N, C-alpha and C. Protein backbone atom coordinates (compact mmCIF):
# COMPACT_ATOMS: atom_id res chain seq x y z
N MET A 1 115.98 131.66 -38.10
CA MET A 1 116.88 131.48 -36.76
C MET A 1 116.06 130.99 -35.57
N ARG A 2 114.81 131.30 -35.47
CA ARG A 2 114.06 130.63 -34.18
C ARG A 2 114.02 129.23 -34.36
N VAL A 3 113.80 128.89 -35.38
CA VAL A 3 113.78 127.26 -35.69
C VAL A 3 115.19 126.46 -35.18
N ALA A 4 116.21 126.93 -35.64
CA ALA A 4 117.56 126.60 -35.09
C ALA A 4 117.67 126.80 -33.67
N THR A 5 117.52 127.71 -32.95
CA THR A 5 117.61 128.08 -31.43
C THR A 5 116.75 127.02 -30.78
N ASP A 6 115.40 126.71 -31.30
CA ASP A 6 114.52 125.89 -30.62
C ASP A 6 115.16 124.49 -30.85
N THR A 7 115.61 124.08 -32.08
CA THR A 7 116.29 122.52 -32.14
C THR A 7 117.59 122.58 -31.47
N ALA A 8 118.15 123.44 -31.25
CA ALA A 8 119.51 123.62 -30.53
C ALA A 8 118.84 123.19 -28.70
N HIS A 9 117.97 124.05 -28.54
CA HIS A 9 117.52 123.96 -27.08
C HIS A 9 116.96 122.59 -26.93
N ALA A 10 116.22 121.88 -27.53
CA ALA A 10 115.74 120.78 -27.53
C ALA A 10 116.79 119.42 -27.68
N GLU A 11 118.06 119.53 -28.44
CA GLU A 11 118.95 118.68 -28.17
C GLU A 11 119.57 118.76 -26.93
N HIS A 12 119.73 120.21 -26.46
CA HIS A 12 120.73 120.09 -25.08
C HIS A 12 119.67 119.70 -24.05
N SER A 13 118.14 119.80 -23.99
CA SER A 13 117.61 119.52 -22.96
C SER A 13 117.53 117.76 -23.03
N THR A 14 117.40 117.40 -24.27
CA THR A 14 117.40 115.93 -24.51
C THR A 14 118.85 115.27 -24.13
N SER A 15 119.93 116.14 -24.32
CA SER A 15 121.24 115.48 -23.82
C SER A 15 121.12 115.52 -22.19
N ARG A 16 120.96 116.72 -21.75
CA ARG A 16 120.88 116.64 -20.26
C ARG A 16 120.00 115.65 -19.64
N SER A 17 118.97 115.21 -20.49
CA SER A 17 117.94 114.44 -19.75
C SER A 17 118.66 112.85 -19.88
N ALA A 18 119.18 112.69 -20.86
CA ALA A 18 120.04 111.35 -21.28
C ALA A 18 121.16 111.25 -20.23
N THR A 19 121.81 112.35 -19.77
CA THR A 19 123.00 112.27 -18.85
C THR A 19 122.41 112.05 -17.73
N ALA A 20 121.41 112.37 -17.31
CA ALA A 20 120.95 112.42 -15.94
C ALA A 20 120.28 110.65 -15.79
N SER A 21 119.97 110.43 -16.93
CA SER A 21 119.21 108.90 -16.94
C SER A 21 120.68 107.93 -16.92
N VAL A 22 121.83 108.33 -17.51
CA VAL A 22 123.03 107.36 -17.06
C VAL A 22 123.45 107.59 -15.99
N ILE A 23 123.43 108.59 -15.48
CA ILE A 23 124.05 108.93 -13.93
C ILE A 23 123.33 107.96 -12.88
N ARG A 24 121.70 108.10 -13.22
CA ARG A 24 120.69 107.14 -12.22
C ARG A 24 121.23 105.75 -12.66
N ALA A 25 121.38 105.20 -13.61
CA ALA A 25 121.59 103.82 -13.87
C ALA A 25 123.00 103.29 -13.32
N ILE A 26 124.21 104.11 -13.29
CA ILE A 26 125.13 103.98 -13.00
C ILE A 26 124.89 103.87 -11.28
N ARG A 27 124.49 104.90 -10.79
CA ARG A 27 124.23 104.85 -9.37
C ARG A 27 123.54 103.59 -8.94
N ASP A 28 122.41 103.29 -9.28
CA ASP A 28 121.56 102.28 -9.14
C ASP A 28 122.46 100.68 -9.17
N ALA A 29 123.23 100.65 -10.43
CA ALA A 29 123.97 99.45 -10.55
C ALA A 29 124.99 99.34 -9.52
N ALA A 30 125.62 100.62 -8.95
CA ALA A 30 126.55 100.52 -7.94
C ALA A 30 125.94 100.17 -6.49
N ALA A 31 124.89 100.60 -6.41
CA ALA A 31 123.97 100.26 -5.46
C ALA A 31 123.82 98.84 -5.12
N ARG A 32 123.21 98.16 -6.33
CA ARG A 32 123.13 96.74 -6.54
C ARG A 32 124.40 96.04 -6.13
N SER A 33 125.24 96.20 -6.91
CA SER A 33 126.48 95.48 -6.71
C SER A 33 127.26 95.61 -5.35
N TRP A 34 127.05 96.74 -4.66
CA TRP A 34 127.53 96.96 -3.20
C TRP A 34 126.72 95.74 -2.33
N LEU A 35 125.39 96.13 -2.59
CA LEU A 35 124.72 95.30 -1.68
C LEU A 35 124.94 93.64 -2.06
N GLU A 36 125.29 93.47 -3.23
CA GLU A 36 125.48 92.06 -3.71
C GLU A 36 126.76 91.47 -2.92
N VAL A 37 127.76 92.25 -2.78
CA VAL A 37 129.05 92.16 -2.14
C VAL A 37 128.98 92.04 -0.80
N ASN A 38 127.95 92.80 -0.25
CA ASN A 38 127.58 92.91 1.44
C ASN A 38 126.32 92.57 1.56
N PRO A 39 126.02 91.13 1.37
CA PRO A 39 124.58 90.59 1.64
C PRO A 39 124.01 90.85 3.11
N PHE A 40 124.96 90.70 4.29
CA PHE A 40 124.44 90.91 5.26
C PHE A 40 124.27 92.45 5.94
N TYR A 41 124.48 93.40 5.17
CA TYR A 41 124.41 94.93 5.63
C TYR A 41 122.89 95.03 5.98
N THR A 42 122.51 95.65 6.83
CA THR A 42 121.31 96.42 7.19
C THR A 42 121.36 97.82 7.42
N ILE A 43 120.10 98.45 7.08
CA ILE A 43 120.07 99.63 7.67
C ILE A 43 119.12 99.55 8.93
N HIS A 44 119.74 100.49 9.90
CA HIS A 44 118.86 100.54 11.05
C HIS A 44 118.69 102.12 11.02
N ASN A 45 117.67 102.28 11.87
CA ASN A 45 117.27 103.67 12.38
C ASN A 45 118.50 103.98 13.48
N PRO A 46 118.54 105.26 13.56
CA PRO A 46 119.82 105.50 14.30
C PRO A 46 119.80 105.25 15.65
N TYR A 47 118.76 105.33 16.38
CA TYR A 47 118.75 104.87 17.97
C TYR A 47 117.37 104.48 18.24
N HIS A 48 117.43 103.39 18.99
CA HIS A 48 116.00 103.06 19.64
C HIS A 48 115.97 102.85 21.21
N GLU A 49 115.11 103.24 21.96
CA GLU A 49 115.50 103.21 23.51
C GLU A 49 115.44 101.54 23.42
N PRO A 50 116.28 100.99 24.16
CA PRO A 50 116.14 99.49 24.51
C PRO A 50 114.78 99.02 25.34
N ASN A 51 114.31 98.19 24.89
CA ASN A 51 112.91 97.70 25.60
C ASN A 51 113.23 96.83 26.73
N ALA A 52 112.90 97.38 28.00
CA ALA A 52 113.19 96.58 29.20
C ALA A 52 112.17 95.32 29.23
N CYS A 53 111.25 95.33 28.37
CA CYS A 53 110.26 94.11 28.61
C CYS A 53 110.70 92.92 27.49
N GLU A 54 111.54 93.09 26.95
CA GLU A 54 112.13 92.02 25.80
C GLU A 54 113.50 91.70 26.13
N PRO A 55 113.78 90.43 26.65
CA PRO A 55 112.79 89.25 27.01
C PRO A 55 112.20 89.86 28.35
N SER A 56 111.03 89.37 28.72
CA SER A 56 110.12 89.86 29.74
C SER A 56 111.07 89.48 31.22
N PRO A 57 111.28 90.50 31.90
CA PRO A 57 112.01 90.11 33.37
C PRO A 57 110.93 89.27 34.25
N CYS A 58 109.65 89.53 34.06
CA CYS A 58 108.63 89.08 34.96
C CYS A 58 108.59 87.61 34.94
N LEU A 59 108.39 87.00 36.01
CA LEU A 59 108.36 85.52 36.27
C LEU A 59 106.96 84.94 36.59
N ASN A 60 106.75 83.84 36.61
CA ASN A 60 105.40 83.47 37.02
C ASN A 60 104.21 84.06 36.43
N GLU A 61 104.24 84.08 35.01
CA GLU A 61 103.51 84.75 34.27
C GLU A 61 102.95 86.20 34.48
N GLY A 62 103.72 87.03 35.06
CA GLY A 62 103.78 88.24 35.51
C GLY A 62 103.65 89.20 34.17
N LEU A 63 102.97 90.26 34.16
CA LEU A 63 102.78 91.14 32.71
C LEU A 63 103.77 92.36 32.97
N CYS A 64 104.66 92.56 32.07
CA CYS A 64 105.82 93.33 32.15
C CYS A 64 105.08 94.64 31.54
N LEU A 65 105.41 95.81 32.04
CA LEU A 65 105.03 97.16 31.70
C LEU A 65 106.23 98.05 31.36
N ARG A 66 106.40 98.77 30.38
CA ARG A 66 107.47 99.69 30.29
C ARG A 66 107.01 100.87 30.77
N ARG A 67 108.20 101.54 31.37
CA ARG A 67 108.28 102.55 31.91
C ARG A 67 109.36 103.57 31.35
N LYS A 68 109.30 104.93 31.87
CA LYS A 68 110.32 105.71 31.06
C LYS A 68 111.60 105.14 31.77
N LYS A 69 111.88 104.72 32.94
CA LYS A 69 113.00 104.31 33.38
C LYS A 69 113.05 102.74 33.81
N GLY A 70 112.90 102.02 32.77
CA GLY A 70 112.97 100.48 32.76
C GLY A 70 111.47 99.94 32.74
N PHE A 71 110.89 99.11 34.06
CA PHE A 71 109.79 98.48 33.79
C PHE A 71 109.19 98.16 34.98
N ARG A 72 108.04 97.80 35.08
CA ARG A 72 107.21 97.29 36.14
C ARG A 72 106.41 96.03 35.83
N CYS A 73 106.42 94.91 36.82
CA CYS A 73 105.87 93.87 36.59
C CYS A 73 104.36 93.69 37.28
N LEU A 74 103.62 93.49 36.74
CA LEU A 74 102.08 93.24 37.41
C LEU A 74 102.04 91.64 37.67
N CYS A 75 101.98 91.29 38.80
CA CYS A 75 101.92 89.73 39.26
C CYS A 75 100.75 89.29 39.29
N LYS A 76 100.91 88.09 39.13
CA LYS A 76 99.62 87.25 39.46
C LYS A 76 99.42 86.98 41.08
N GLU A 77 98.05 86.76 41.45
CA GLU A 77 97.63 87.11 42.87
C GLU A 77 98.63 86.27 43.87
N LYS A 78 99.29 85.31 43.90
CA LYS A 78 100.09 84.58 44.44
C LYS A 78 101.61 84.83 44.52
N PHE A 79 101.86 85.95 43.73
CA PHE A 79 103.20 86.29 43.57
C PHE A 79 103.53 87.68 43.71
N GLY A 80 104.92 88.21 44.28
CA GLY A 80 105.28 89.38 44.32
C GLY A 80 106.66 89.86 44.11
N GLY A 81 107.03 91.20 44.56
CA GLY A 81 108.45 91.35 44.15
C GLY A 81 108.62 91.81 42.94
N ARG A 82 109.82 92.47 42.68
CA ARG A 82 110.18 93.33 41.43
C ARG A 82 109.82 92.48 40.28
N ASN A 83 110.15 91.13 40.24
CA ASN A 83 110.26 90.42 39.22
C ASN A 83 109.11 89.20 39.37
N CYS A 84 108.15 89.53 40.02
CA CYS A 84 106.93 88.51 40.69
C CYS A 84 107.75 87.10 40.73
N ASP A 85 108.97 87.26 41.63
CA ASP A 85 109.68 86.02 42.00
C ASP A 85 109.46 85.41 43.31
N GLN A 86 108.70 86.29 44.23
CA GLN A 86 108.38 85.83 45.67
C GLN A 86 106.84 85.52 45.66
N ASN A 87 106.83 84.46 46.38
CA ASN A 87 105.39 83.89 46.71
C ASN A 87 104.85 85.01 47.88
N ALA A 88 103.59 85.61 47.70
CA ALA A 88 102.93 86.51 48.33
C ALA A 88 102.23 85.85 49.93
C-alpha cells in the first residue's frame, strides 16, 4: 500500500509541477505578445524629482549645482547674476 501511495504522491507532485510550467509559459507568452503589440511601452520608476540643471540654465559656461529647491549657478570670473547672464 505504501508503494501505491508514494506513486500517487509523485504523480500529483509531477502534475502540479507541469501545471506550474504551463502557467508560466502562458504568462511569458502573453507578456511577449503584449510587448510586441505595444512596442513603445516603457516602464518608469514612479517618480523622480525634476533635475533643475538639465538642461543647464547657467549661461557663459557657468556650472549648475542642484539644490533642494532648484539650482545655483557658479559663474566664471567675468559674469554674475542668477544665471551668469550679467557682466560683473
